[in-house]
Amino acid sequence: MTKRAFDKSADQEFSVGLPVGIIVFCMLGISAYLAVMGVEIPPPSTKVYLASDVKGNP
């Protein structure tokens, strides 16, 4: 094979930028919607559960 055979792949129509752009657009849309609606998302719980604290039936 010649070097030119490796220069171009058969699928050049889509690149990485298209899916990344769609994801970023959706994230910004959801963020704007939540900001307009005034939704407050609580922070995750910071509790730590230890195995010794669990009381279960044997």
Protein backbone atom coordinates (compact mmCIF):
# COMPACT_ATOMS: atom_id res chain seq x y z
CA MET A 1 0.00 0.00 0.00
CA THR A 2 1.08 3.52 -0.58
CA LYS A 3 1.22 6.24 2.01
CA ARG A 4 -1.80 7.97 0.47
CA ALA A 5 -4.05 5.08 1.48
CA PHE A 6 -3.63 6.04 5.14
CA ASP A 7 -4.07 9.79 4.70
CA LYS A 8 -7.87 9.86 4.69
CA SER A 9 -10.31 7.60 6.43
CA ALA A 10 -13.57 6.57 4.82
CA ASP A 11 -15.75 8.33 7.43
CA GLN A 12 -14.81 12.02 7.46
CA GLU A 13 -18.37 13.39 7.74
CA PHE A 14 -18.52 13.49 11.54
CA SER A 15 -15.82 14.57 13.92
CA VAL A 16 -15.49 14.72 17.68
CA GLY A 17 -16.73 18.31 17.71
CA LEU A 18 -20.29 17.44 16.74
CA PRO A 19 -21.12 15.14 19.70
CA VAL A 20 -19.28 17.43 22.11
CA GLY A 21 -21.21 20.41 20.78
CA ILE A 22 -24.52 18.61 21.20
CA ILE A 23 -23.68 17.62 24.78
CA VAL A 24 -22.57 21.15 25.69
CA PHE A 25 -25.69 22.64 24.09
CA CYS A 26 -27.96 20.29 26.06
CA MET A 27 -26.13 20.97 29.33
CA LEU A 28 -26.40 24.74 28.86
CA GLY A 29 -30.08 24.40 27.96
CA ILE A 30 -30.83 22.35 31.07
CA SER A 31 -28.84 24.76 33.25
CA ALA A 32 -30.70 27.76 31.83
CA TYR A 33 -34.05 26.03 32.36
CA LEU A 34 -33.24 25.20 35.98
CA ALA A 35 -32.03 28.76 36.60
CA VAL A 36 -35.20 30.28 35.14
CA MET A 37 -37.43 27.92 37.13
CA GLY A 38 -35.49 28.65 40.32
CA VAL A 39 -34.84 24.99 41.09
CA GLU A 40 -32.43 24.39 43.94
CA ILE A 41 -30.53 21.13 43.88
CA PRO A 42 -29.42 20.11 47.37
CA PRO A 43 -25.80 19.11 47.84
CA PRO A 44 -25.08 15.41 48.27
CA SER A 45 -25.08 13.95 51.75
CA THR A 46 -21.73 13.95 53.51
CA LYS A 47 -22.61 11.22 56.00
CA VAL A 48 -20.20 8.32 56.31
CA TYR A 49 -21.67 4.92 57.04
CA LEU A 50 -19.42 2.39 58.71
CA ALA A 51 -19.98 -1.36 58.59
CA SER A 52 -19.94 -1.46 62.41
CA ASP A 53 -22.92 0.93 62.52
CA VAL A 54 -25.16 -1.35 60.48
CA LYS A 55 -27.45 -3.47 62.62
CA GLY A 56 -29.16 -6.16 60.62
CA ASN A 57 -30.74 -9.50 61.27
CA PRO A 58 -28.40 -12.45 60.73
